[in-house]
C-alpha atoms as a PDB file:
ATOM      1  CA  MET A   1      44.962  30.277  15.501  1.00  0.00           C
ATOM      2  CA  LYS A   2      45.130  29.391  19.257  1.00  0.00           C
ATOM      3  CA  LYS A   3      41.797  27.715  18.809  1.00  0.00           C
ATOM      4  CA  MET A   4      42.995  25.433  16.099  1.00  0.00           C
ATOM      5  CA  ASN A   5      46.014  24.425  18.179  1.00  0.00           C
ATOM      6  CA  GLN A   6      43.858  23.567  21.003  1.00  0.00           C
ATOM      7  CA  ASN A   7      41.662  21.378  18.915  1.00  0.00           C
ATOM      8  CA  LYS A   8      44.651  19.691  17.407  1.00  0.00           C
ATOM      9  CA  PHE A   9      45.878  19.101  21.111  1.00  0.00           C
ATOM     10  CA  ILE A  10      42.514  17.678  22.166  1.00  0.00           C
ATOM     11  CA  LEU A  11      42.392  15.298  19.252  1.00  0.00           C
ATOM     12  CA  LEU A  12      45.920  14.061  19.823  1.00  0.00           C
ATOM     13  CA  PHE A  13      45.130  13.515  23.500  1.00  0.00           C
ATOM     14  CA  LEU A  14      42.056  11.502  22.595  1.00  0.00           C
ATOM     15  CA  PHE A  15      43.970   9.452  20.149  1.00  0.00           C
ATOM     16  CA  ILE A  16      46.649   8.573  22.655  1.00  0.00           C
ATOM     17  CA  SER A  17      44.165   7.820  25.305  1.00  0.00           C
ATOM     18  CA  PHE A  18      42.155   5.334  23.061  1.00  0.00           C
ATOM     19  CA  ASN A  19      45.305   3.485  22.067  1.00  0.00           C
ATOM     20  CA  LEU A  20      46.451   3.189  25.671  1.00  0.00           C
ATOM     21  CA  PHE A  21      42.873   1.891  26.655  1.00  0.00           C
ATOM     22  CA  ASN A  22      42.908  -0.620  23.743  1.00  0.00           C
ATOM     23  CA  ASN A  23      46.435  -1.823  24.547  1.00  0.00           C
ATOM     24  CA  THR A  24      45.401  -2.281  28.119  1.00  0.00           C
ATOM     25  CA  LEU A  25      42.295  -4.420  27.159  1.00  0.00           C
ATOM     26  CA  THR A  26      44.346  -6.466  24.742  1.00  0.00           C
ATOM     27  CA  ALA A  27      46.982  -7.160  27.370  1.00  0.00           C
ATOM     28  CA  GLN A  28      44.256  -8.179  29.980  1.00  0.00           C
ATOM     29  CA  ASN A  29      42.856 -10.537  27.320  1.00  0.00           C
ATOM     30  CA  ASP A  30      46.109 -12.041  26.606  1.00  0.00           C
ATOM     31  CA  SER A  31      47.005 -12.450  30.288  1.00  0.00           C
ATOM     32  CA  VAL A  32      43.678 -14.586  30.852  1.00  0.00           C
ATOM     33  CA  LYS A  33      44.604 -18.193  30.242  1.00  0.00           C
ATOM     34  CA  PRO A  34      41.727 -20.371  28.695  1.00  0.00           C
ATOM     35  CA  GLU A  35      39.889 -22.335  31.223  1.00  0.00           C
ATOM     36  CA  ASN A  36      38.772 -25.914  30.835  1.00  0.00           C
ATOM     37  CA  VAL A  37      34.955 -26.251  32.058  1.00  0.00           C
ATOM     38  CA  VAL A  38      33.507 -29.652  32.516  1.00  0.00           C
ATOM     39  CA  ARG A  39      29.694 -30.199  32.852  1.00  0.00           C
ATOM     40  CA  LEU A  40      27.606 -33.378  33.375  1.00  0.00           C
ATOM     41  CA  HIS A  41      24.073 -34.000  32.304  1.00  0.00           C
ATOM     42  CA  TYR A  42      21.992 -36.894  33.593  1.00  0.00           C
ATOM     43  CA  PHE A  43      19.370 -38.526  31.462  1.00  0.00           C
ATOM     44  CA  ASN A  44      16.576 -41.024  32.496  1.00  0.00           C
ATOM     45  CA  ILE A  45      14.455 -42.309  29.592  1.00  0.00           C
ATOM     46  CA  ASN A  46      11.215 -44.043  30.568  1.00  0.00           C
ATOM     47  CA  GLY A  47      12.824 -45.246  33.757  1.00  0.00           C
ATOM     48  CA  LYS A  48      14.797 -47.916  32.037  1.00  0.00           C
ATOM     49  CA  MET A  49      17.746 -46.369  30.218  1.00  0.00           C
ATOM     50  CA  GLN A  50      20.062 -44.077  32.227  1.00  0.00           C
ATOM     51  CA  TYR A  51      23.097 -42.241  31.051  1.00  0.00           C
ATOM     52  CA  LEU A  52      25.323 -39.316  31.548  1.00  0.00           C
ATOM     53  CA  VAL A  53      26.638 -36.733  28.874  1.00  0.00           C
ATOM     54  CA  LEU A  54      29.872 -35.029  29.713  1.00  0.00           C
ATOM     55  CA  GLU A  55      30.330 -31.678  28.106  1.00  0.00           C
ATOM     56  CA  SER A  56      33.901 -30.253  27.980  1.00  0.00           C
ATOM     57  CA  LEU A  57      34.233 -26.580  27.100  1.00  0.00           C
ATOM     58  CA  LEU A  58      37.109 -24.128  26.703  1.00  0.00           C
ATOM     59  CA  LYS A  59      36.351 -20.802  28.260  1.00  0.00           C
ATOM     60  CA  ASN A  60      38.260 -17.910  26.929  1.00  0.00           C
ATOM     61  CA  GLY A  61      36.865 -14.759  28.640  1.00  0.00           C
ATOM     62  CA  ARG A  62      33.245 -14.973  27.853  1.00  0.00           C
ATOM     63  CA  VAL A  63      33.518 -17.252  24.779  1.00  0.00           C
ATOM     64  CA  PHE A  64      32.853 -21.051  25.140  1.00  0.00           C
ATOM     65  CA  THR A  65      34.095 -23.375  22.627  1.00  0.00           C
ATOM     66  CA  PRO A  66      33.951 -27.086  22.472  1.00  0.00           C
ATOM     67  CA  HIS A  67      37.059 -28.945  23.714  1.00  0.00           C
ATOM     68  CA  SER A  68      37.293 -32.138  21.618  1.00  0.00           C
ATOM     69  CA  LYS A  69      39.575 -35.203  22.114  1.00  0.00           C
ATOM     70  CA  MET A  70      39.735 -34.834  25.935  1.00  0.00           C
ATOM     71  CA  THR A  71      39.545 -38.064  27.927  1.00  0.00           C
ATOM     72  CA  TYR A  72      37.871 -38.129  31.422  1.00  0.00           C
ATOM     73  CA  GLU A  73      36.965 -40.859  33.982  1.00  0.00           C
ATOM     74  CA  ILE A  74      33.461 -40.722  35.694  1.00  0.00           C
ATOM     75  CA  TYR A  75      33.003 -42.310  39.090  1.00  0.00           C
ATOM     76  CA  LEU A  76      29.971 -42.873  41.151  1.00  0.00           C
ATOM     77  CA  ASP A  77      30.090 -41.446  44.698  1.00  0.00           C
ATOM     78  CA  SER A  78      33.762 -42.128  45.090  1.00  0.00           C
ATOM     79  CA  ALA A  79      36.782 -42.079  42.882  1.00  0.00           C
ATOM     80  CA  ALA A  80      37.595 -45.615  43.584  1.00  0.00           C
ATOM     81  CA  GLN A  81      38.314 -47.975  40.693  1.00  0.00           C
ATOM     82  CA  LYS A  82      35.292 -50.279  41.545  1.00  0.00           C
ATOM     83  CA  ASN A  83      33.070 -47.251  41.201  1.00  0.00           C
ATOM     84  CA  LEU A  84      34.327 -46.403  37.703  1.00  0.00           C
ATOM     85  CA  VAL A  85      31.259 -45.665  35.483  1.00  0.00           C
ATOM     86  CA  SER A  86      33.263 -45.078  32.197  1.00  0.00           C
ATOM     87  CA  SER A  87      36.189 -43.372  30.614  1.00  0.00           C
ATOM     88  CA  VAL A  88      34.854 -41.052  27.860  1.00  0.00           C
ATOM     89  CA  THR A  89      36.503 -39.119  25.084  1.00  0.00           C
ATOM     90  CA  THR A  90      34.859 -35.928  23.811  1.00  0.00           C
ATOM     91  CA  ASP A  91      33.870 -35.591  20.209  1.00  0.00           C
ATOM     92  CA  GLU A  92      33.913 -32.558  17.877  1.00  0.00           C
ATOM     93  CA  GLU A  93      31.202 -30.994  19.995  1.00  0.00           C
ATOM     94  CA  GLY A  94      33.032 -31.421  23.106  1.00  0.00           C
ATOM     95  CA  LYS A  95      30.535 -34.212  24.368  1.00  0.00           C
ATOM     96  CA  GLY A  96      30.984 -37.726  25.421  1.00  0.00           C
ATOM     97  CA  LYS A  97      28.286 -40.354  26.500  1.00  0.00           C
ATOM     98  CA  ALA A  98      28.617 -42.780  29.421  1.00  0.00           C
ATOM     99  CA  PHE A  99      26.053 -45.445  30.301  1.00  0.00           C
ATOM    100  CA  ILE A 100      25.768 -46.422  34.068  1.00  0.00           C
ATOM    101  CA  PRO A 101      26.979 -50.076  33.877  1.00  0.00           C
ATOM    102  CA  PRO A 102      25.024 -53.062  35.459  1.00  0.00           C
ATOM    103  CA  ALA A 103      27.996 -53.769  37.857  1.00  0.00           C
ATOM    104  CA  LEU A 104      27.074 -50.528  39.671  1.00  0.00           C
ATOM    105  CA  LYS A 105      23.479 -51.626  40.245  1.00  0.00           C
ATOM    106  CA  SER A 106      23.795 -52.418  44.008  1.00  0.00           C
ATOM    107  CA  ILE A 107      25.512 -49.046  44.654  1.00  0.00           C
ATOM    108  CA  TRP A 108      22.862 -47.301  42.672  1.00  0.00           C
ATOM    109  CA  ASP A 109      20.002 -48.993  44.439  1.00  0.00           C
ATOM    110  CA  ALA A 110      21.578 -48.332  47.933  1.00  0.00           C
ATOM    111  CA  SER A 111      20.767 -44.601  47.943  1.00  0.00           C
ATOM    112  CA  SER A 112      18.378 -42.174  46.761  1.00  0.00           C
ATOM    113  CA  GLN A 113      21.042 -39.557  45.902  1.00  0.00           C
ATOM    114  CA  HIS A 114      24.437 -39.966  44.060  1.00  0.00           C
ATOM    115  CA  THR A 115      27.330 -37.770  43.363  1.00  0.00           C
ATOM    116  CA  PHE A 116      29.222 -38.094  40.147  1.00  0.00           C
ATOM    117  CA  ILE A 117      32.993 -37.407  40.157  1.00  0.00           C
ATOM    118  CA  VAL A 118      35.061 -36.573  37.085  1.00  0.00           C
ATOM    119  CA  LYS A 119      38.752 -36.872  36.895  1.00  0.00           C
ATOM    120  CA  GLN A 120      41.286 -36.119  34.300  1.00  0.00           C
ATOM    121  CA  GLY A 121      44.243 -38.492  34.987  1.00  0.00           C
ATOM    122  CA  ASP A 122      44.905 -37.683  38.756  1.00  0.00           C
ATOM    123  CA  GLU A 123      43.198 -34.438  38.801  1.00  0.00           C
ATOM    124  CA  GLU A 124      39.532 -34.065  39.853  1.00  0.00           C
ATOM    125  CA  VAL A 125      37.833 -31.623  37.690  1.00  0.00           C
ATOM    126  CA  LEU A 126      34.217 -32.135  38.926  1.00  0.00           C
ATOM    127  CA  SER A 127      32.798 -33.740  42.063  1.00  0.00           C
ATOM    128  CA  ASP A 128      29.792 -31.698  43.128  1.00  0.00           C
ATOM    129  CA  TYR A 129      27.240 -33.022  40.560  1.00  0.00           C
ATOM    130  CA  THR A 130      24.515 -34.634  42.685  1.00  0.00           C
ATOM    131  CA  ILE A 131      21.364 -36.256  41.320  1.00  0.00           C
ATOM    132  CA  THR A 132      18.307 -37.333  43.164  1.00  0.00           C
ATOM    133  CA  LYS A 133      16.474 -40.372  41.875  1.00  0.00           C
ATOM    134  CA  ALA A 134      13.009 -39.312  40.477  1.00  0.00           C
ATOM    135  CA  LYS A 135      10.353 -40.594  38.127  1.00  0.00           C
ATOM    136  CA  ILE A 136       7.398 -39.416  36.070  1.00  0.00           C
ATOM    137  CA  THR A 137       3.985 -41.043  35.885  1.00  0.00           C
ATOM    138  CA  ILE A 138       1.356 -40.205  33.277  1.00  0.00           C
ATOM    139  CA  ASP A 139      -2.218 -40.658  33.692  1.00  0.00           C
ATOM    140  CA  THR A 140      -5.092 -39.932  31.201  1.00  0.00           C
ATOM    141  CA  SER A 141      -8.807 -39.346  31.604  1.00  0.00           C
ATOM    142  CA  THR A 142     -11.736 -38.348  29.328  1.00  0.00           C
ATOM    143  CA  VAL A 143     -14.527 -36.281  30.821  1.00  0.00           C
ATOM    144  CA  ASP A 144     -17.393 -35.182  28.593  1.00  0.00           C
ATOM    145  CA  GLY A 145     -15.297 -35.891  25.506  1.00  0.00           C
ATOM    146  CA  VAL A 146     -12.411 -33.672  26.883  1.00  0.00           C
ATOM    147  CA  LYS A 147      -9.136 -35.638  27.060  1.00  0.00           C
ATOM    148  CA  ASN A 148      -6.744 -34.721  29.911  1.00  0.00           C
ATOM    149  CA  ILE A 149      -3.066 -35.643  30.598  1.00  0.00           C
ATOM    150  CA  THR A 150      -1.967 -35.649  34.267  1.00  0.00           C
ATOM    151  CA  ALA A 151       1.763 -35.840  34.806  1.00  0.00           C
ATOM    152  CA  THR A 152       3.370 -36.238  38.318  1.00  0.00           C
ATOM    153  CA  VAL A 153       6.853 -36.011  39.272  1.00  0.00           C
ATOM    154  CA  MET A 154       8.230 -37.681  42.410  1.00  0.00           C
ATOM    155  CA  ASP A 155      11.693 -38.214  43.873  1.00  0.00           C
ATOM    156  CA  LEU A 156      12.890 -40.813  46.212  1.00  0.00           C
ATOM    157  CA  LYS A 157      13.436 -39.826  49.916  1.00  0.00           C
ATOM    158  CA  ASN A 158      13.810 -42.328  52.742  1.00  0.00           C
ATOM    159  CA  SER A 159      12.649 -45.161  50.444  1.00  0.00           C
ATOM    160  CA  GLU A 160       9.473 -43.400  49.728  1.00  0.00           C
ATOM    161  CA  TRP A 161       8.434 -41.459  46.464  1.00  0.00           C
ATOM    162  CA  VAL A 162       7.488 -37.832  47.437  1.00  0.00           C
ATOM    163  CA  PRO A 163       5.754 -35.452  45.001  1.00  0.00           C
ATOM    164  CA  ILE A 164       8.016 -32.587  43.807  1.00  0.00           C
ATOM    165  CA  SER A 165       6.519 -29.029  43.368  1.00  0.00           C
ATOM    166  CA  ASP A 166       7.740 -26.288  41.003  1.00  0.00           C
ATOM    167  CA  VAL A 167       9.057 -28.392  38.420  1.00  0.00           C
ATOM    168  CA  GLU A 168       8.896 -27.202  34.847  1.00  0.00           C
ATOM    169  CA  MET A 169       8.173 -29.705  32.184  1.00  0.00           C
ATOM    170  CA  ARG A 170       6.913 -30.044  28.714  1.00  0.00           C
ATOM    171  CA  VAL A 171       3.667 -31.975  28.145  1.00  0.00           C
ATOM    172  CA  GLY A 172       2.600 -32.978  24.670  1.00  0.00           C
ATOM    173  CA  ILE A 173       2.695 -35.410  21.754  1.00  0.00           C
ATOM    174  CA  LYS A 174       5.862 -37.155  20.443  1.00  0.00           C
ATOM    175  CA  ARG A 175       6.596 -36.370  16.868  1.00  0.00           C
ATOM    176  CA  LEU A 176       9.544 -36.664  14.480  1.00  0.00           C
ATOM    177  CA  VAL A 177      10.476 -32.941  15.086  1.00  0.00           C
ATOM    178  CA  GLY A 178      10.116 -33.163  19.010  1.00  0.00           C
ATOM    179  CA  ILE A 179       7.301 -32.787  21.429  1.00  0.00           C
ATOM    180  CA  VAL A 180       4.291 -30.791  20.375  1.00  0.00           C
ATOM    181  CA  SER A 181       2.598 -29.192  23.339  1.00  0.00           C
ATOM    182  CA  ALA A 182      -0.762 -30.654  24.325  1.00  0.00           C
ATOM    183  CA  GLY A 183      -2.319 -27.413  25.322  1.00  0.00           C
ATOM    184  CA  ASP A 184      -1.686 -23.765  24.804  1.00  0.00           C
ATOM    185  CA  GLU A 185       1.440 -23.317  26.876  1.00  0.00           C
ATOM    186  CA  PRO A 186       4.926 -24.520  25.811  1.00  0.00           C
ATOM    187  CA  THR A 187       5.784 -25.530  29.385  1.00  0.00           C
ATOM    188  CA  TYR A 188       3.828 -26.482  32.583  1.00  0.00           C
ATOM    189  CA  THR A 189       4.811 -26.255  36.331  1.00  0.00           C
ATOM    190  CA  THR A 190       3.845 -28.853  38.967  1.00  0.00           C
ATOM    191  CA  ASP A 191       1.788 -27.701  41.940  1.00  0.00           C
ATOM    192  CA  SER A 192       2.129 -28.794  45.652  1.00  0.00           C
ATOM    193  CA  THR A 193       1.011 -32.330  44.729  1.00  0.00           C
ATOM    194  CA  GLY A 194       3.705 -32.607  42.155  1.00  0.00           C
ATOM    195  CA  SER A 195       1.180 -32.899  39.411  1.00  0.00           C
ATOM    196  CA  VAL A 196      -0.018 -30.976  36.428  1.00  0.00           C
ATOM    197  CA  THR A 197      -3.108 -31.598  34.136  1.00  0.00           C
ATOM    198  CA  VAL A 198      -3.237 -30.490  30.720  1.00  0.00           C
ATOM    199  CA  GLU A 199      -6.339 -30.650  28.371  1.00  0.00           C
ATOM    200  CA  LEU A 200      -5.332 -32.292  25.118  1.00  0.00           C
ATOM    201  CA  LYS A 201      -6.308 -29.674  22.459  1.00  0.00           C
ATOM    202  CA  LYS A 202      -4.563 -31.319  19.573  1.00  0.00           C
ATOM    203  CA  ASP A 203      -6.652 -34.537  19.422  1.00  0.00           C
ATOM    204  CA  SER A 204      -7.084 -34.370  15.662  1.00  0.00           C
ATOM    205  CA  MET A 205      -3.425 -35.198  15.011  1.00  0.00           C
ATOM    206  CA  PRO A 206      -2.862 -38.370  12.857  1.00  0.00           C
ATOM    207  CA  GLY A 207      -1.713 -41.533  14.671  1.00  0.00           C
ATOM    208  CA  ASP A 208      -0.357 -44.899  13.436  1.00  0.00           C
ATOM    209  CA  GLN A 209      -2.357 -47.520  11.715  1.00  0.00           C
ATOM    210  CA  LYS A 210      -4.274 -48.121  14.861  1.00  0.00           C
ATOM    211  CA  GLY A 211      -4.831 -44.465  15.702  1.00  0.00           C
ATOM    212  CA  ASN A 212      -2.341 -44.462  18.597  1.00  0.00           C
ATOM    213  CA  LEU A 213      -0.488 -41.311  19.807  1.00  0.00           C
ATOM    214  CA  VAL A 214       2.709 -41.272  22.042  1.00  0.00           C
ATOM    215  CA  LEU A 215       2.289 -38.937  24.740  1.00  0.00           C
ATOM    216  CA  ALA A 216       5.530 -37.482  26.165  1.00  0.00           C
ATOM    217  CA  VAL A 217       6.406 -35.602  29.438  1.00  0.00           C
ATOM    218  CA  LYS A 218       9.971 -34.130  29.537  1.00  0.00           C
ATOM    219  CA  ILE A 219      11.966 -32.417  32.100  1.00  0.00           C
ATOM    220  CA  GLN A 220      15.102 -30.536  30.869  1.00  0.00           C
ATOM    221  CA  ASP A 221      18.196 -29.807  32.916  1.00  0.00           C
ATOM    222  CA  ASN A 222      16.616 -29.701  36.360  1.00  0.00           C
ATOM    223  CA  ASP A 223      19.339 -28.923  39.063  1.00  0.00           C
ATOM    224  CA  GLU A 224      18.178 -31.708  41.305  1.00  0.00           C
ATOM    225  CA  ILE A 225      16.845 -34.547  39.041  1.00  0.00           C
ATOM    226  CA  GLY A 226      18.346 -33.873  35.703  1.00  0.00           C
ATOM    227  CA  ASN A 227      16.840 -34.735  32.402  1.00  0.00           C
ATOM    228  CA  LEU A 228      13.675 -37.023  32.526  1.00  0.00           C
ATOM    229  CA  LEU A 229      11.543 -38.449  29.707  1.00  0.00           C
ATOM    230  CA  MET A 230       8.381 -40.606  30.042  1.00  0.00           C
ATOM    231  CA  GLU A 231       6.266 -41.771  27.231  1.00  0.00           C
ATOM    232  CA  LYS A 232       2.753 -43.391  27.039  1.00  0.00           C
ATOM    233  CA  THR A 233       0.830 -44.747  24.039  1.00  0.00           C
ATOM    234  CA  VAL A 234      -2.755 -43.741  23.861  1.00  0.00           C
ATOM    235  CA  PRO A 235      -5.455 -44.427  21.100  1.00  0.00           C
ATOM    236  CA  TRP A 236      -6.262 -40.744  20.704  1.00  0.00           C
ATOM    237  CA  GLY A 237      -5.153 -40.010  17.130  1.00  0.00           C
ATOM    238  CA  LYS A 238      -6.632 -40.447  13.710  1.00  0.00           C
ATOM    239  CA  VAL A 239      -5.975 -43.735  12.060  1.00  0.00           C
ATOM    240  CA  THR A 240      -3.412 -43.380   9.219  1.00  0.00           C
ATOM    241  CA  GLU A 241      -4.466 -45.374   6.142  1.00  0.00           C
ATOM    242  CA  HIS A 242      -1.730 -46.516   3.913  1.00  0.00           C
ATOM    243  CA  ASN A 243      -2.574 -46.497   0.265  1.00  0.00           C
ATOM    244  CA  THR A 244      -0.923 -49.453  -1.217  1.00  0.00           C
ATOM    245  CA  THR A 245      -1.638 -48.236  -4.901  1.00  0.00           C
ATOM    246  CA  PHE A 246       0.113 -45.039  -4.039  1.00  0.00           C
ATOM    247  CA  PHE A 247       3.360 -45.819  -5.873  1.00  0.00           C
ATOM    248  CA  GLU A 248       1.686 -47.694  -8.718  1.00  0.00           C
ATOM    249  CA  GLN A 249       0.317 -44.449 -10.158  1.00  0.00           C
ATOM    250  CA  ARG A 250       2.276 -42.291 -12.678  1.00  0.00           C
ATOM    251  CA  THR A 251       3.634 -39.502 -10.353  1.00  0.00           C
ATOM    252  CA  LEU A 252       7.007 -37.867  -9.828  1.00  0.00           C
ATOM    253  CA  TRP A 253       7.526 -39.866  -6.636  1.00  0.00           C
ATOM    254  CA  SER A 254       6.820 -43.324  -8.177  1.00  0.00           C
ATOM    255  CA  THR A 255       9.474 -45.699  -9.613  1.00  0.00           C
ATOM    256  CA  ARG A 256      11.217 -45.185 -13.100  1.00  0.00           C
ATOM    257  CA  PHE A 257       8.707 -47.616 -14.607  1.00  0.00           C
ATOM    258  CA  LYS A 258       5.772 -45.350 -13.547  1.00  0.00           C
ATOM    259  CA  THR A 259       7.084 -42.083 -14.865  1.00  0.00           C
ATOM    260  CA  PRO A 260       4.325 -39.678 -16.007  1.00  0.00           C
ATOM    261  CA  TYR A 261       3.740 -39.479 -19.740  1.00  0.00           C
ATOM    262  CA  TRP A 262       4.282 -35.674 -20.029  1.00  0.00           C
ATOM    263  CA  LEU A 263       7.760 -36.103 -18.317  1.00  0.00           C
ATOM    264  CA  LEU A 264       8.793 -38.848 -20.762  1.00  0.00           C
ATOM    265  CA  PHE A 265       7.440 -36.658 -23.572  1.00  0.00           C
ATOM    266  CA  THR A 266       9.488 -33.701 -22.461  1.00  0.00           C
ATOM    267  CA  VAL A 267      12.755 -35.707 -21.809  1.00  0.00           C
ATOM    268  CA  TYR A 268      12.694 -37.627 -25.104  1.00  0.00           C
ATOM    269  CA  SER A 269      11.853 -34.579 -27.045  1.00  0.00           C
ATOM    270  CA  ILE A 270      14.855 -32.769 -25.589  1.00  0.00           C
ATOM    271  CA  ALA A 271      17.031 -35.888 -26.323  1.00  0.00           C
ATOM    272  CA  ILE A 272      15.795 -36.300 -29.863  1.00  0.00           C
ATOM    273  CA  GLY A 273      16.252 -32.462 -30.520  1.00  0.00           C
ATOM    274  CA  ILE A 274      19.958 -32.413 -29.245  1.00  0.00           C
ATOM    275  CA  TRP A 275      20.855 -35.636 -31.054  1.00  0.00           C
ATOM    276  CA  GLY A 276      18.954 -34.537 -34.223  1.00  0.00           C
ATOM    277  CA  THR A 277      20.913 -31.148 -34.211  1.00  0.00           C
ATOM    278  CA  LEU A 278      24.321 -33.134 -33.777  1.00  0.00           C
ATOM    279  CA  ILE A 279      23.543 -35.459 -36.725  1.00  0.00           C
ATOM    280  CA  TYR A 280      22.504 -32.608 -38.864  1.00  0.00           C
ATOM    281  CA  LEU A 281      25.649 -30.682 -38.107  1.00  0.00           C
ATOM    282  CA  VAL A 282      27.729 -33.797 -39.084  1.00  0.00           C
ATOM    283  CA  PHE A 283      25.931 -34.239 -42.397  1.00  0.00           C
ATOM    284  CA  ARG A 284      26.537 -30.457 -43.201  1.00  0.00           C
ATOM    285  CA  ILE A 285      30.144 -30.777 -42.276  1.00  0.00           C
ATOM    286  CA  ILE A 286      30.455 -33.737 -44.643  1.00  0.00           C
ATOM    287  CA  LYS A 287      28.608 -31.933 -47.394  1.00  0.00           C
ATOM    288  CA  ILE A 288      30.819 -28.819 -46.981  1.00  0.00           C
ATOM    289  CA  GLY A 289      33.846 -31.155 -47.389  1.00  0.00           C
ATOM    290  CA  LYS A 290      32.406 -32.518 -50.668  1.00  0.00           C
ATOM    291  CA  LEU A 291      31.560 -29.150 -51.985  1.00  0.00           C
ATOM    292  CA  GLY A 292      35.229 -28.072 -51.239  1.00  0.00           C
ATOM    293  CA  LYS A 293      36.628 -30.797 -53.248  1.00  0.00           C
ATOM    294  CA  GLN A 294      34.335 -30.318 -56.132  1.00  0.00           C
ATOM    295  CA  PHE A 295      35.253 -26.464 -56.054  1.00  0.00           C
ATOM    296  CA  ALA A 296      38.839 -27.404 -55.997  1.00  0.00           C
ATOM    297  CA  MET A 297      38.542 -29.666 -59.046  1.00  0.00           C
ATOM    298  CA  ILE A 298      36.668 -27.209 -61.082  1.00  0.00           C
ATOM    299  CA  ASN A 299      39.243 -24.366 -60.331  1.00  0.00           C
ATOM    300  CA  GLY A 300      42.033 -26.844 -61.238  1.00  0.00           C
ATOM    301  CA  SER A 301      40.641 -27.666 -64.724  1.00  0.00           C
ATOM    302  CA  ASP A 302      40.279 -23.944 -65.702  1.00  0.00           C
ATOM    303  CA  GLU A 303      43.988 -23.095 -65.090  1.00  0.00           C
ATOM    304  CA  PRO A 304      46.139 -23.055 -68.454  1.00  0.00           C
ATOM    305  CA  ASP A 305      48.572 -26.066 -68.984  1.00  0.00           C
ATOM    306  CA  ASP A 306      52.158 -25.301 -68.420  1.00  0.00           C
ATOM    307  CA  ILE A 307      54.250 -24.823 -71.506  1.00  0.00           C
END
C-alpha cells in the first residue's frame, strides 16, 4: 500500500513539474518580440546589369517568415538624398528589387568598394553591407579533342584587377532548368591565380540551329563580391534541326485539322452512341404514351353503359 502511494506521489510530482516547465517555455516565447531582419543581395549579370534584392524577414524565435508590404530606402555609401538608389516595397515573398540608377554612375566608378545603407523612415536598419567590384572572364580551349573551360575571378583593388582565390562557383552549360555542370563536380573553387579549368564532359548536348551552347559561370552569395553571372556562347553543341512538317502530321500535338483518325473514330463513336441512346429513349417514351391511350380506350369500351 505504501508503495502504491509512493508511485502516485512520484507521478503527481512529474506531472506538476512538466506543466511548470511547459508554462515557463510558453512565457519565454511570448515574451520574445518578433524581430525584423533585413538582408541585401547584390547581383552582377554579364558585367552589364547590376541590381540589388532586399529581403525582409520577420524572426520569431528560430522561425523566419517573409515580411511583405514593407517600404525601405536604399542608399549608396551615405544616407544623403543624392545617393538614394531606390525606394522598394517588399512583395509577398518579402523581397524587393532595386536597380542602381545611371545618376550614381560617377559615385560607383569612383571607388572599388561600396557600402549600401538601408533605412526605414528615419531609422537605419542596415549599413554594413559592403561589396567589392569584381568580374568573371571565361576562356575556352580545345586540346586533342578535349574541350576546356577556364574561368577567372578578379576584384578591383587600387584601380587594378587582382585574381581572387578560394571562390566557389558553378561552371557549366546554361539550360532552361538552370546551369548543368560541365564536369563531374557540382561546384569548383579558384586556385591562387583566381582561375579554375573544367573539362567539358557534356559536349553532346543539343545546341541551337547553329550548334551553339551558352557557357555559364555563376558565383552565388559570396560575402565580398555578391552574386556574379557571366555567359559565353560557343559552337560546341549539336545542331538542332527543326522539322517544319512536324505539325502537319496527324498526331496528338497537331492542330485540330490534323487530328488522328483513330481519335476521330473514338470521339464520333461515343457521340453517336450517346445521341442514339437518347433518341431511342425518346421514341420509346412516345410509344409508351400511345400504348397507354390505346389501353385506356379499350378498357373504356368494355365498361357497361349506365342505366
